[in-house]
Amino acid sequence: MKKVFCKMALAAVLALTTLFTGCKAPNSGGGGNPGVSTPEYNPPEKQIPLTLEAIADGEITFDNLDRITNLKYTKNNGPLTNATSSISVAAGDKISLFAQGTSNTDVLSECFKIDCSSDCYIYGNVMSLLTDNYKTATKITQDYAFTYLFNSNTHIKNHSEKELVLPATTLKNYCYRNMFEGCTSLTKAPELPADTMKLYCYGSMFKDCTLLTEAPELPATTLAASCYTFMFRGCTSLTQAPDLPATSLMNYCYNGMFELCTSLTTAPVLSATTLPQGCYYYMFSRCTSLKKVECLATDISAQKCTDNWLSSVASSGTFTKASGADWPSGYSGIPSSWTVQNK
């Protein structure tokens, strides 16, 4: 009898072990154990088209429809409908968007743009504006693809449970330029998984997003000229900067990246030893709470590479430099009242 009982108990344990180890994390995208990140960026919202969910009655409007190819939408998962310049929505309505690409330029008045007259949650996969195969798409194939897309849309908000997804790992020049500039209701930026940058690809992307408290990880190690220019300029609620792992920089790559981030207290570690032209130009200018910088550059001879990079920061702080590095004193070097230590 004891043997039978033991066998039954062992079978029950094995069954429970299979049950729990076979479970997948709700947000794992199809593999891995709960709480363990997977190499592929694969949130479930990749399967959802770009969606605006109305919080209050209002309208969703589109500027420059001629700059987007075959824009269609569904309302509350209803029939696919050709888009006109505006869609009336009631609180709770979900508008999902589909298209086959844009033909934007560097001029705001010539770019496809989405606006809302009242508050809306935003989530889903932005690639549904570029291709029918958005669920698996990871390449942006056109310059200026999402330039100015939500520029000055003060009504879009982060959903508490559903993510906005920008899954592209292959970018194009200016592809996200000014995309969320002036979106003053956003508190969290979407993940940005690309590790190779293009010209001005993230330029002014979140500029003046004054409620933004969370920045995405920036894993790129291959940079391009002006790729992060003004990316978080004026994000006055941003308290922590993302890591910047690249050690080989490009001209003006970080130009004004955190200018006017007045809640930022600590700079990311800057490991590059040779600075090209304008790379840190105005990078932390007017970050009035900034009081800790570690910069390991030993060659800062390039034109404008650190001009005004620490102007109007905190009156006292700590600067960590490479041993033997020769830095000037002042807002284009090491603030004169700061403590200096060698790495």
C-alpha atoms as a PDB file:
ATOM      1  CA  MET A   1       0.000   0.000   0.000  1.00  0.00           C
ATOM      2  CA  LYS A   2       2.864   2.363   0.868  1.00  0.00           C
ATOM      3  CA  LYS A   3       4.499   1.664  -2.523  1.00  0.00           C
ATOM      4  CA  VAL A   4       1.251   2.468  -4.332  1.00  0.00           C
ATOM      5  CA  PHE A   5       0.863   5.679  -2.355  1.00  0.00           C
ATOM      6  CA  CYS A   6       4.459   6.717  -3.091  1.00  0.00           C
ATOM      7  CA  LYS A   7       4.006   6.069  -6.799  1.00  0.00           C
ATOM      8  CA  MET A   8       0.809   8.148  -6.821  1.00  0.00           C
ATOM      9  CA  ALA A   9       2.553  10.988  -4.954  1.00  0.00           C
ATOM     10  CA  LEU A  10       5.526  10.896  -7.339  1.00  0.00           C
ATOM     11  CA  ALA A  11       3.194  11.025 -10.350  1.00  0.00           C
ATOM     12  CA  ALA A  12       1.405  14.036  -8.853  1.00  0.00           C
ATOM     13  CA  VAL A  13       4.705  15.862  -8.301  1.00  0.00           C
ATOM     14  CA  LEU A  14       5.834  15.143 -11.870  1.00  0.00           C
ATOM     15  CA  ALA A  15       2.512  16.376 -13.242  1.00  0.00           C
ATOM     16  CA  LEU A  16       2.748  19.619 -11.285  1.00  0.00           C
ATOM     17  CA  THR A  17       6.372  20.103 -12.377  1.00  0.00           C
ATOM     18  CA  THR A  18       5.381  19.660 -16.033  1.00  0.00           C
ATOM     19  CA  LEU A  19       2.468  22.045 -15.619  1.00  0.00           C
ATOM     20  CA  PHE A  20       4.494  24.877 -14.116  1.00  0.00           C
ATOM     21  CA  THR A  21       7.678  24.530 -16.153  1.00  0.00           C
ATOM     22  CA  GLY A  22       5.613  24.376 -19.338  1.00  0.00           C
ATOM     23  CA  CYS A  23       3.961  27.709 -18.658  1.00  0.00           C
ATOM     24  CA  LYS A  24       5.094  30.770 -20.600  1.00  0.00           C
ATOM     25  CA  ALA A  25       5.390  34.286 -19.282  1.00  0.00           C
ATOM     26  CA  PRO A  26       2.435  36.388 -20.414  1.00  0.00           C
ATOM     27  CA  ASN A  27       4.739  38.886 -22.113  1.00  0.00           C
ATOM     28  CA  SER A  28       7.506  36.533 -23.220  1.00  0.00           C
ATOM     29  CA  GLY A  29       6.346  36.422 -26.819  1.00  0.00           C
ATOM     30  CA  GLY A  30       6.413  32.623 -26.931  1.00  0.00           C
ATOM     31  CA  GLY A  31       9.270  31.317 -24.848  1.00  0.00           C
ATOM     32  CA  GLY A  32      11.305  31.508 -21.681  1.00  0.00           C
ATOM     33  CA  ASN A  33      10.508  31.501 -18.019  1.00  0.00           C
ATOM     34  CA  PRO A  34       8.603  34.308 -16.283  1.00  0.00           C
ATOM     35  CA  GLY A  35      10.886  37.195 -15.408  1.00  0.00           C
ATOM     36  CA  VAL A  36      13.669  36.108 -17.784  1.00  0.00           C
ATOM     37  CA  SER A  37      14.264  38.398 -20.747  1.00  0.00           C
ATOM     38  CA  THR A  38      14.701  36.872 -24.201  1.00  0.00           C
ATOM     39  CA  PRO A  39      17.156  38.119 -26.843  1.00  0.00           C
ATOM     40  CA  GLU A  40      14.409  38.925 -29.342  1.00  0.00           C
ATOM     41  CA  TYR A  41      12.265  41.989 -28.753  1.00  0.00           C
ATOM     42  CA  ASN A  42       8.857  40.364 -29.042  1.00  0.00           C
ATOM     43  CA  PRO A  43       6.119  41.908 -26.879  1.00  0.00           C
ATOM     44  CA  PRO A  44       2.574  40.670 -27.572  1.00  0.00           C
ATOM     45  CA  GLU A  45       1.586  44.113 -28.868  1.00  0.00           C
ATOM     46  CA  LYS A  46       3.660  43.399 -32.002  1.00  0.00           C
ATOM     47  CA  GLN A  47       0.618  41.451 -33.141  1.00  0.00           C
ATOM     48  CA  ILE A  48      -1.729  44.420 -32.645  1.00  0.00           C
ATOM     49  CA  PRO A  49      -1.917  47.216 -35.246  1.00  0.00           C
ATOM     50  CA  LEU A  50      -1.254  50.780 -34.135  1.00  0.00           C
ATOM     51  CA  THR A  51      -4.322  51.607 -32.064  1.00  0.00           C
ATOM     52  CA  LEU A  52      -5.788  54.741 -30.521  1.00  0.00           C
ATOM     53  CA  GLU A  53      -8.329  54.080 -27.763  1.00  0.00           C
ATOM     54  CA  ALA A  54     -10.520  57.055 -26.919  1.00  0.00           C
ATOM     55  CA  ILE A  55     -10.713  58.000 -23.254  1.00  0.00           C
ATOM     56  CA  ALA A  56     -13.327  60.680 -23.969  1.00  0.00           C
ATOM     57  CA  ASP A  57     -15.587  61.624 -26.884  1.00  0.00           C
ATOM     58  CA  GLY A  58     -13.825  63.482 -29.665  1.00  0.00           C
ATOM     59  CA  GLU A  59     -12.149  63.170 -33.037  1.00  0.00           C
ATOM     60  CA  ILE A  60      -9.003  61.585 -34.412  1.00  0.00           C
ATOM     61  CA  THR A  61      -7.723  63.650 -37.300  1.00  0.00           C
ATOM     62  CA  PHE A  62      -5.148  63.126 -40.039  1.00  0.00           C
ATOM     63  CA  ASP A  63      -3.051  65.791 -41.738  1.00  0.00           C
ATOM     64  CA  ASN A  64      -1.612  65.304 -45.221  1.00  0.00           C
ATOM     65  CA  LEU A  65      -3.379  62.083 -46.164  1.00  0.00           C
ATOM     66  CA  ASP A  66      -1.670  62.329 -49.541  1.00  0.00           C
ATOM     67  CA  ARG A  67       1.600  61.479 -47.759  1.00  0.00           C
ATOM     68  CA  ILE A  68       0.459  58.022 -46.650  1.00  0.00           C
ATOM     69  CA  THR A  69      -0.458  55.149 -48.940  1.00  0.00           C
ATOM     70  CA  ASN A  70      -3.893  53.561 -48.656  1.00  0.00           C
ATOM     71  CA  LEU A  71      -4.700  54.460 -45.044  1.00  0.00           C
ATOM     72  CA  LYS A  72      -7.516  52.342 -43.637  1.00  0.00           C
ATOM     73  CA  TYR A  73      -8.912  51.758 -40.167  1.00  0.00           C
ATOM     74  CA  THR A  74     -11.188  49.553 -38.130  1.00  0.00           C
ATOM     75  CA  LYS A  75     -13.374  50.801 -35.298  1.00  0.00           C
ATOM     76  CA  ASN A  76     -13.788  48.319 -32.449  1.00  0.00           C
ATOM     77  CA  ASN A  77     -12.579  45.491 -34.737  1.00  0.00           C
ATOM     78  CA  GLY A  78     -15.309  46.255 -37.250  1.00  0.00           C
ATOM     79  CA  PRO A  79     -14.995  46.355 -41.046  1.00  0.00           C
ATOM     80  CA  LEU A  80     -11.917  47.811 -42.718  1.00  0.00           C
ATOM     81  CA  THR A  81     -12.752  51.345 -43.873  1.00  0.00           C
ATOM     82  CA  ASN A  82     -10.967  53.916 -46.044  1.00  0.00           C
ATOM     83  CA  ALA A  83      -9.783  56.799 -43.875  1.00  0.00           C
ATOM     84  CA  THR A  84     -10.876  60.376 -44.376  1.00  0.00           C
ATOM     85  CA  SER A  85      -9.435  63.432 -42.646  1.00  0.00           C
ATOM     86  CA  SER A  86     -11.243  62.713 -39.351  1.00  0.00           C
ATOM     87  CA  ILE A  87     -12.905  59.932 -37.391  1.00  0.00           C
ATOM     88  CA  SER A  88     -15.480  60.657 -34.680  1.00  0.00           C
ATOM     89  CA  VAL A  89     -14.994  58.554 -31.554  1.00  0.00           C
ATOM     90  CA  ALA A  90     -16.865  57.951 -28.319  1.00  0.00           C
ATOM     91  CA  ALA A  91     -15.163  57.060 -25.055  1.00  0.00           C
ATOM     92  CA  GLY A  92     -13.933  53.479 -25.289  1.00  0.00           C
ATOM     93  CA  ASP A  93     -13.768  53.316 -29.080  1.00  0.00           C
ATOM     94  CA  LYS A  94     -10.665  51.633 -30.474  1.00  0.00           C
ATOM     95  CA  ILE A  95      -9.327  52.832 -33.823  1.00  0.00           C
ATOM     96  CA  SER A  96      -6.739  50.545 -35.419  1.00  0.00           C
ATOM     97  CA  LEU A  97      -4.731  51.868 -38.372  1.00  0.00           C
ATOM     98  CA  PHE A  98      -3.319  50.174 -41.479  1.00  0.00           C
ATOM     99  CA  ALA A  99      -1.332  51.551 -44.446  1.00  0.00           C
ATOM    100  CA  GLN A 100       1.486  50.739 -46.879  1.00  0.00           C
ATOM    101  CA  GLY A 101       3.987  53.486 -46.218  1.00  0.00           C
ATOM    102  CA  THR A 102       4.577  57.218 -46.154  1.00  0.00           C
ATOM    103  CA  SER A 103       6.283  59.790 -48.387  1.00  0.00           C
ATOM    104  CA  ASN A 104       7.195  62.346 -45.737  1.00  0.00           C
ATOM    105  CA  THR A 105       9.828  65.068 -46.017  1.00  0.00           C
ATOM    106  CA  ASP A 106      11.726  67.132 -43.448  1.00  0.00           C
ATOM    107  CA  VAL A 107       8.956  69.772 -43.421  1.00  0.00           C
ATOM    108  CA  LEU A 108       6.203  69.478 -40.800  1.00  0.00           C
ATOM    109  CA  SER A 109       3.516  70.811 -43.125  1.00  0.00           C
ATOM    110  CA  GLU A 110       4.346  68.084 -45.656  1.00  0.00           C
ATOM    111  CA  CYS A 111       4.202  65.078 -43.317  1.00  0.00           C
ATOM    112  CA  PHE A 112       1.420  62.665 -42.448  1.00  0.00           C
ATOM    113  CA  LYS A 113       0.375  63.447 -38.888  1.00  0.00           C
ATOM    114  CA  ILE A 114      -2.132  62.058 -36.373  1.00  0.00           C
ATOM    115  CA  ASP A 115      -3.928  64.290 -33.885  1.00  0.00           C
ATOM    116  CA  CYS A 116      -6.607  63.810 -31.240  1.00  0.00           C
ATOM    117  CA  SER A 117      -9.125  66.324 -29.931  1.00  0.00           C
ATOM    118  CA  SER A 118      -9.463  64.486 -26.611  1.00  0.00           C
ATOM    119  CA  ASP A 119      -7.364  62.053 -24.589  1.00  0.00           C
ATOM    120  CA  CYS A 120      -6.521  58.697 -26.187  1.00  0.00           C
ATOM    121  CA  TYR A 121      -4.440  55.722 -25.162  1.00  0.00           C
ATOM    122  CA  ILE A 122      -1.884  54.681 -27.758  1.00  0.00           C
ATOM    123  CA  TYR A 123      -0.555  51.145 -28.174  1.00  0.00           C
ATOM    124  CA  GLY A 124       0.183  48.454 -30.726  1.00  0.00           C
ATOM    125  CA  ASN A 125       2.692  48.130 -33.533  1.00  0.00           C
ATOM    126  CA  VAL A 126       3.525  51.316 -35.440  1.00  0.00           C
ATOM    127  CA  MET A 127       4.736  49.209 -38.386  1.00  0.00           C
ATOM    128  CA  SER A 128       1.091  48.665 -39.380  1.00  0.00           C
ATOM    129  CA  LEU A 129       1.428  52.061 -41.084  1.00  0.00           C
ATOM    130  CA  LEU A 130       4.167  50.745 -43.373  1.00  0.00           C
ATOM    131  CA  THR A 131       3.270  47.195 -44.310  1.00  0.00           C
ATOM    132  CA  ASP A 132       0.587  44.523 -44.207  1.00  0.00           C
ATOM    133  CA  ASN A 133       3.231  42.251 -42.696  1.00  0.00           C
ATOM    134  CA  TYR A 134       3.622  44.459 -39.636  1.00  0.00           C
ATOM    135  CA  LYS A 135       3.516  41.543 -37.196  1.00  0.00           C
ATOM    136  CA  THR A 136       6.946  40.349 -38.307  1.00  0.00           C
ATOM    137  CA  ALA A 137       8.386  43.544 -39.842  1.00  0.00           C
ATOM    138  CA  THR A 138      11.670  44.771 -38.368  1.00  0.00           C
ATOM    139  CA  LYS A 139      12.970  46.971 -41.218  1.00  0.00           C
ATOM    140  CA  ILE A 140      12.095  50.566 -42.028  1.00  0.00           C
ATOM    141  CA  THR A 141      12.804  50.983 -45.731  1.00  0.00           C
ATOM    142  CA  GLN A 142      12.117  54.683 -46.309  1.00  0.00           C
ATOM    143  CA  ASP A 143      13.657  57.907 -45.031  1.00  0.00           C
ATOM    144  CA  TYR A 144      11.370  60.098 -42.858  1.00  0.00           C
ATOM    145  CA  ALA A 145       8.952  57.159 -42.367  1.00  0.00           C
ATOM    146  CA  PHE A 146       7.441  58.373 -39.065  1.00  0.00           C
ATOM    147  CA  THR A 147       8.728  61.939 -39.026  1.00  0.00           C
ATOM    148  CA  TYR A 148       6.380  64.258 -37.057  1.00  0.00           C
ATOM    149  CA  LEU A 149       3.786  61.445 -36.776  1.00  0.00           C
ATOM    150  CA  PHE A 150       2.393  62.598 -33.391  1.00  0.00           C
ATOM    151  CA  ASN A 151       4.117  65.984 -33.204  1.00  0.00           C
ATOM    152  CA  SER A 152       2.415  68.204 -30.588  1.00  0.00           C
ATOM    153  CA  ASN A 153      -0.353  65.669 -29.968  1.00  0.00           C
ATOM    154  CA  THR A 154      -0.876  66.525 -26.307  1.00  0.00           C
ATOM    155  CA  HIS A 155      -3.683  63.984 -25.853  1.00  0.00           C
ATOM    156  CA  ILE A 156      -1.939  60.655 -26.429  1.00  0.00           C
ATOM    157  CA  LYS A 157      -1.239  58.697 -23.247  1.00  0.00           C
ATOM    158  CA  ASN A 158       0.444  55.455 -22.258  1.00  0.00           C
ATOM    159  CA  HIS A 159      -1.919  52.579 -21.564  1.00  0.00           C
ATOM    160  CA  SER A 160      -1.344  50.893 -18.198  1.00  0.00           C
ATOM    161  CA  GLU A 161      -1.275  47.373 -19.674  1.00  0.00           C
ATOM    162  CA  LYS A 162      -0.636  47.667 -23.434  1.00  0.00           C
ATOM    163  CA  GLU A 163       2.616  48.882 -24.965  1.00  0.00           C
ATOM    164  CA  LEU A 164       3.361  51.074 -27.927  1.00  0.00           C
ATOM    165  CA  VAL A 165       5.775  49.047 -30.076  1.00  0.00           C
ATOM    166  CA  LEU A 166       8.503  50.365 -32.386  1.00  0.00           C
ATOM    167  CA  PRO A 167      10.121  47.029 -33.282  1.00  0.00           C
ATOM    168  CA  ALA A 168      12.427  48.081 -36.133  1.00  0.00           C
ATOM    169  CA  THR A 169      16.019  46.940 -35.816  1.00  0.00           C
ATOM    170  CA  THR A 170      16.950  48.318 -39.249  1.00  0.00           C
ATOM    171  CA  LEU A 171      16.404  52.071 -39.509  1.00  0.00           C
ATOM    172  CA  LYS A 172      16.557  54.756 -42.201  1.00  0.00           C
ATOM    173  CA  ASN A 173      17.658  58.378 -42.137  1.00  0.00           C
ATOM    174  CA  TYR A 174      15.348  60.675 -40.129  1.00  0.00           C
ATOM    175  CA  CYS A 175      12.887  57.805 -39.632  1.00  0.00           C
ATOM    176  CA  TYR A 176      11.710  58.817 -36.121  1.00  0.00           C
ATOM    177  CA  ARG A 177      12.629  62.493 -36.277  1.00  0.00           C
ATOM    178  CA  ASN A 178      10.324  64.683 -34.112  1.00  0.00           C
ATOM    179  CA  MET A 179       7.919  61.750 -33.898  1.00  0.00           C
ATOM    180  CA  PHE A 180       6.657  62.533 -30.374  1.00  0.00           C
ATOM    181  CA  GLU A 181       7.900  66.091 -29.968  1.00  0.00           C
ATOM    182  CA  GLY A 182       5.617  68.051 -27.646  1.00  0.00           C
ATOM    183  CA  CYS A 183       3.562  64.983 -26.622  1.00  0.00           C
ATOM    184  CA  THR A 184       3.197  66.345 -23.111  1.00  0.00           C
ATOM    185  CA  SER A 185       0.978  63.528 -21.776  1.00  0.00           C
ATOM    186  CA  LEU A 186       3.394  60.671 -22.464  1.00  0.00           C
ATOM    187  CA  THR A 187       5.155  59.348 -19.355  1.00  0.00           C
ATOM    188  CA  LYS A 188       7.041  56.404 -20.851  1.00  0.00           C
ATOM    189  CA  ALA A 189       8.938  56.028 -24.116  1.00  0.00           C
ATOM    190  CA  PRO A 190       8.616  52.856 -26.207  1.00  0.00           C
ATOM    191  CA  GLU A 191      11.504  50.415 -26.450  1.00  0.00           C
ATOM    192  CA  LEU A 192      14.015  51.100 -29.239  1.00  0.00           C
ATOM    193  CA  PRO A 193      15.805  47.823 -30.047  1.00  0.00           C
ATOM    194  CA  ALA A 194      17.951  48.954 -33.014  1.00  0.00           C
ATOM    195  CA  ASP A 195      21.697  48.644 -32.433  1.00  0.00           C
ATOM    196  CA  THR A 196      22.806  50.526 -35.570  1.00  0.00           C
ATOM    197  CA  MET A 197      21.887  54.160 -36.055  1.00  0.00           C
ATOM    198  CA  LYS A 198      21.199  56.234 -39.180  1.00  0.00           C
ATOM    199  CA  LEU A 199      21.513  59.955 -39.851  1.00  0.00           C
ATOM    200  CA  TYR A 200      19.291  61.905 -37.399  1.00  0.00           C
ATOM    201  CA  CYS A 201      17.158  58.779 -36.883  1.00  0.00           C
ATOM    202  CA  TYR A 202      16.156  59.720 -33.293  1.00  0.00           C
ATOM    203  CA  GLY A 203      16.595  63.462 -33.687  1.00  0.00           C
ATOM    204  CA  SER A 204      14.200  65.432 -31.425  1.00  0.00           C
ATOM    205  CA  MET A 205      12.154  62.252 -31.062  1.00  0.00           C
ATOM    206  CA  PHE A 206      10.883  63.053 -27.540  1.00  0.00           C
ATOM    207  CA  LYS A 207      11.761  66.724 -27.417  1.00  0.00           C
ATOM    208  CA  ASP A 208       9.616  68.664 -24.905  1.00  0.00           C
ATOM    209  CA  CYS A 209       7.811  65.564 -23.615  1.00  0.00           C
ATOM    210  CA  THR A 210       7.609  67.238 -20.224  1.00  0.00           C
ATOM    211  CA  LEU A 211       5.976  64.327 -18.334  1.00  0.00           C
ATOM    212  CA  LEU A 212       8.343  61.674 -19.673  1.00  0.00           C
ATOM    213  CA  THR A 213       9.935  59.968 -16.673  1.00  0.00           C
ATOM    214  CA  GLU A 214      11.206  56.761 -18.299  1.00  0.00           C
ATOM    215  CA  ALA A 215      13.627  56.649 -21.211  1.00  0.00           C
ATOM    216  CA  PRO A 216      14.149  53.469 -23.248  1.00  0.00           C
ATOM    217  CA  GLU A 217      17.367  51.501 -23.316  1.00  0.00           C
ATOM    218  CA  LEU A 218      19.610  52.598 -26.177  1.00  0.00           C
ATOM    219  CA  PRO A 219      21.680  49.527 -27.128  1.00  0.00           C
ATOM    220  CA  ALA A 220      23.246  50.995 -30.282  1.00  0.00           C
ATOM    221  CA  THR A 221      26.992  50.628 -30.586  1.00  0.00           C
ATOM    222  CA  THR A 222      27.193  51.833 -34.194  1.00  0.00           C
ATOM    223  CA  LEU A 223      26.260  55.506 -34.380  1.00  0.00           C
ATOM    224  CA  ALA A 224      25.600  57.975 -37.200  1.00  0.00           C
ATOM    225  CA  ALA A 225      25.963  61.726 -37.463  1.00  0.00           C
ATOM    226  CA  SER A 226      23.397  63.589 -35.330  1.00  0.00           C
ATOM    227  CA  CYS A 227      21.597  60.336 -34.542  1.00  0.00           C
ATOM    228  CA  TYR A 228      20.546  61.405 -31.001  1.00  0.00           C
ATOM    229  CA  THR A 229      20.455  65.167 -31.553  1.00  0.00           C
ATOM    230  CA  PHE A 230      17.971  66.815 -29.119  1.00  0.00           C
ATOM    231  CA  MET A 231      16.379  63.406 -28.485  1.00  0.00           C
ATOM    232  CA  PHE A 232      15.253  64.260 -24.931  1.00  0.00           C
ATOM    233  CA  ARG A 233      15.710  68.022 -24.984  1.00  0.00           C
ATOM    234  CA  GLY A 234      13.262  69.689 -22.595  1.00  0.00           C
ATOM    235  CA  CYS A 235      12.140  66.430 -20.934  1.00  0.00           C
ATOM    236  CA  THR A 236      11.976  68.160 -17.584  1.00  0.00           C
ATOM    237  CA  SER A 237      10.652  65.118 -15.653  1.00  0.00           C
ATOM    238  CA  LEU A 238      13.313  62.689 -16.857  1.00  0.00           C
ATOM    239  CA  THR A 239      15.276  61.548 -13.799  1.00  0.00           C
ATOM    240  CA  GLN A 240      17.527  58.869 -15.277  1.00  0.00           C
ATOM    241  CA  ALA A 241      19.411  58.801 -18.566  1.00  0.00           C
ATOM    242  CA  PRO A 242      19.829  55.554 -20.516  1.00  0.00           C
ATOM    243  CA  ASP A 243      23.243  53.926 -20.868  1.00  0.00           C
ATOM    244  CA  LEU A 244      25.227  55.005 -23.929  1.00  0.00           C
ATOM    245  CA  PRO A 245      27.442  52.006 -24.712  1.00  0.00           C
ATOM    246  CA  ALA A 246      29.032  53.228 -27.972  1.00  0.00           C
ATOM    247  CA  THR A 247      32.734  53.995 -27.783  1.00  0.00           C
ATOM    248  CA  SER A 248      33.205  55.084 -31.397  1.00  0.00           C
ATOM    249  CA  LEU A 249      31.270  58.311 -31.909  1.00  0.00           C
ATOM    250  CA  MET A 250      30.193  60.362 -34.917  1.00  0.00           C
ATOM    251  CA  ASN A 251      29.913  64.102 -35.543  1.00  0.00           C
ATOM    252  CA  TYR A 252      27.189  65.736 -33.438  1.00  0.00           C
ATOM    253  CA  CYS A 253      25.837  62.315 -32.412  1.00  0.00           C
ATOM    254  CA  TYR A 254      24.786  63.490 -28.908  1.00  0.00           C
ATOM    255  CA  ASN A 255      24.255  67.154 -29.746  1.00  0.00           C
ATOM    256  CA  GLY A 256      21.870  68.640 -27.150  1.00  0.00           C
ATOM    257  CA  MET A 257      20.583  65.170 -26.304  1.00  0.00           C
ATOM    258  CA  PHE A 258      19.624  66.015 -22.687  1.00  0.00           C
ATOM    259  CA  GLU A 259      19.583  69.803 -22.836  1.00  0.00           C
ATOM    260  CA  LEU A 260      17.088  71.282 -20.351  1.00  0.00           C
ATOM    261  CA  CYS A 261      16.484  67.927 -18.610  1.00  0.00           C
ATOM    262  CA  THR A 262      16.234  69.760 -15.313  1.00  0.00           C
ATOM    263  CA  SER A 263      15.487  66.663 -13.160  1.00  0.00           C
ATOM    264  CA  LEU A 264      18.506  64.700 -14.358  1.00  0.00           C
ATOM    265  CA  THR A 265      21.144  64.337 -11.604  1.00  0.00           C
ATOM    266  CA  THR A 266      23.606  61.828 -13.087  1.00  0.00           C
ATOM    267  CA  ALA A 267      24.988  61.550 -16.608  1.00  0.00           C
ATOM    268  CA  PRO A 268      25.456  58.145 -18.229  1.00  0.00           C
ATOM    269  CA  VAL A 269      29.047  56.927 -18.264  1.00  0.00           C
ATOM    270  CA  LEU A 270      30.770  58.319 -21.355  1.00  0.00           C
ATOM    271  CA  SER A 271      33.431  55.772 -22.266  1.00  0.00           C
ATOM    272  CA  ALA A 272      34.610  57.061 -25.647  1.00  0.00           C
ATOM    273  CA  THR A 273      38.240  58.170 -25.571  1.00  0.00           C
ATOM    274  CA  THR A 274      38.326  60.187 -28.811  1.00  0.00           C
ATOM    275  CA  LEU A 275      35.639  62.791 -29.443  1.00  0.00           C
ATOM    276  CA  PRO A 276      34.713  63.854 -32.992  1.00  0.00           C
ATOM    277  CA  GLN A 277      33.350  67.244 -34.012  1.00  0.00           C
ATOM    278  CA  GLY A 278      30.357  68.435 -32.011  1.00  0.00           C
ATOM    279  CA  CYS A 279      29.669  65.057 -30.435  1.00  0.00           C
ATOM    280  CA  TYR A 280      28.855  66.419 -26.931  1.00  0.00           C
ATOM    281  CA  TYR A 281      27.835  69.895 -28.113  1.00  0.00           C
ATOM    282  CA  TYR A 282      25.279  71.273 -25.568  1.00  0.00           C
ATOM    283  CA  MET A 283      24.686  67.673 -24.431  1.00  0.00           C
ATOM    284  CA  PHE A 284      23.768  68.528 -20.800  1.00  0.00           C
ATOM    285  CA  SER A 285      23.379  72.276 -21.115  1.00  0.00           C
ATOM    286  CA  ARG A 286      20.928  73.738 -18.566  1.00  0.00           C
ATOM    287  CA  CYS A 287      20.517  70.425 -16.739  1.00  0.00           C
ATOM    288  CA  THR A 288      20.336  72.405 -13.532  1.00  0.00           C
ATOM    289  CA  SER A 289      20.262  69.354 -11.212  1.00  0.00           C
ATOM    290  CA  LEU A 290      23.144  67.507 -12.858  1.00  0.00           C
ATOM    291  CA  LYS A 291      25.948  66.897 -10.369  1.00  0.00           C
ATOM    292  CA  LYS A 292      27.720  63.706 -11.441  1.00  0.00           C
ATOM    293  CA  VAL A 293      29.592  63.099 -14.714  1.00  0.00           C
ATOM    294  CA  GLU A 294      32.047  60.373 -15.678  1.00  0.00           C
ATOM    295  CA  CYS A 295      33.776  61.072 -18.990  1.00  0.00           C
ATOM    296  CA  LEU A 296      36.826  59.051 -20.030  1.00  0.00           C
ATOM    297  CA  ALA A 297      37.770  61.039 -23.141  1.00  0.00           C
ATOM    298  CA  THR A 298      41.472  61.740 -23.575  1.00  0.00           C
ATOM    299  CA  ASP A 299      41.310  63.453 -26.979  1.00  0.00           C
ATOM    300  CA  ILE A 300      38.935  66.433 -26.901  1.00  0.00           C
ATOM    301  CA  SER A 301      40.661  68.466 -29.603  1.00  0.00           C
ATOM    302  CA  ALA A 302      37.907  68.219 -32.243  1.00  0.00           C
ATOM    303  CA  GLN A 303      35.955  71.367 -33.062  1.00  0.00           C
ATOM    304  CA  LYS A 304      32.984  72.026 -30.744  1.00  0.00           C
ATOM    305  CA  CYS A 305      33.152  68.494 -29.308  1.00  0.00           C
ATOM    306  CA  THR A 306      32.358  69.758 -25.784  1.00  0.00           C
ATOM    307  CA  ASP A 307      31.205  73.343 -26.433  1.00  0.00           C
ATOM    308  CA  ASN A 308      28.702  74.373 -23.738  1.00  0.00           C
ATOM    309  CA  TRP A 309      28.138  70.750 -22.807  1.00  0.00           C
ATOM    310  CA  LEU A 310      27.922  71.474 -19.060  1.00  0.00           C
ATOM    311  CA  SER A 311      26.692  75.055 -19.055  1.00  0.00           C
ATOM    312  CA  SER A 312      24.246  75.930 -16.236  1.00  0.00           C
ATOM    313  CA  VAL A 313      24.466  72.583 -14.441  1.00  0.00           C
ATOM    314  CA  ALA A 314      24.441  72.261 -10.611  1.00  0.00           C
ATOM    315  CA  SER A 315      26.847  74.595  -8.854  1.00  0.00           C
ATOM    316  CA  SER A 316      28.670  71.695  -7.208  1.00  0.00           C
ATOM    317  CA  GLY A 317      29.249  68.160  -8.343  1.00  0.00           C
ATOM    318  CA  THR A 318      31.792  65.428  -9.105  1.00  0.00           C
ATOM    319  CA  PHE A 319      33.595  64.920 -12.405  1.00  0.00           C
ATOM    320  CA  THR A 320      35.420  61.633 -13.000  1.00  0.00           C
ATOM    321  CA  LYS A 321      38.003  61.693 -15.781  1.00  0.00           C
ATOM    322  CA  ALA A 322      40.653  59.429 -17.243  1.00  0.00           C
ATOM    323  CA  SER A 323      43.973  59.725 -15.467  1.00  0.00           C
ATOM    324  CA  GLY A 324      46.215  62.130 -17.363  1.00  0.00           C
ATOM    325  CA  ALA A 325      43.397  63.644 -19.428  1.00  0.00           C
ATOM    326  CA  ASP A 326      43.815  67.401 -19.869  1.00  0.00           C
ATOM    327  CA  TRP A 327      40.475  69.166 -19.507  1.00  0.00           C
ATOM    328  CA  PRO A 328      39.793  72.916 -19.516  1.00  0.00           C
ATOM    329  CA  SER A 329      37.809  74.502 -16.716  1.00  0.00           C
ATOM    330  CA  GLY A 330      34.342  75.946 -17.344  1.00  0.00           C
ATOM    331  CA  TYR A 331      31.106  75.048 -19.061  1.00  0.00           C
ATOM    332  CA  SER A 332      32.924  73.647 -22.134  1.00  0.00           C
ATOM    333  CA  GLY A 333      35.093  71.442 -19.919  1.00  0.00           C
ATOM    334  CA  ILE A 334      34.824  70.669 -16.210  1.00  0.00           C
ATOM    335  CA  PRO A 335      32.663  73.095 -14.199  1.00  0.00           C
ATOM    336  CA  SER A 336      35.057  75.222 -12.184  1.00  0.00           C
ATOM    337  CA  SER A 337      33.416  74.578  -8.804  1.00  0.00           C
ATOM    338  CA  TRP A 338      33.189  70.797  -9.150  1.00  0.00           C
ATOM    339  CA  THR A 339      35.366  68.156  -7.492  1.00  0.00           C
ATOM    340  CA  VAL A 340      37.604  66.274  -9.955  1.00  0.00           C
ATOM    341  CA  GLN A 341      38.730  62.695  -9.520  1.00  0.00           C
ATOM    342  CA  ASN A 342      40.661  60.277 -11.726  1.00  0.00           C
ATOM    343  CA  LYS A 343      39.388  56.923 -12.903  1.00  0.00           C
END
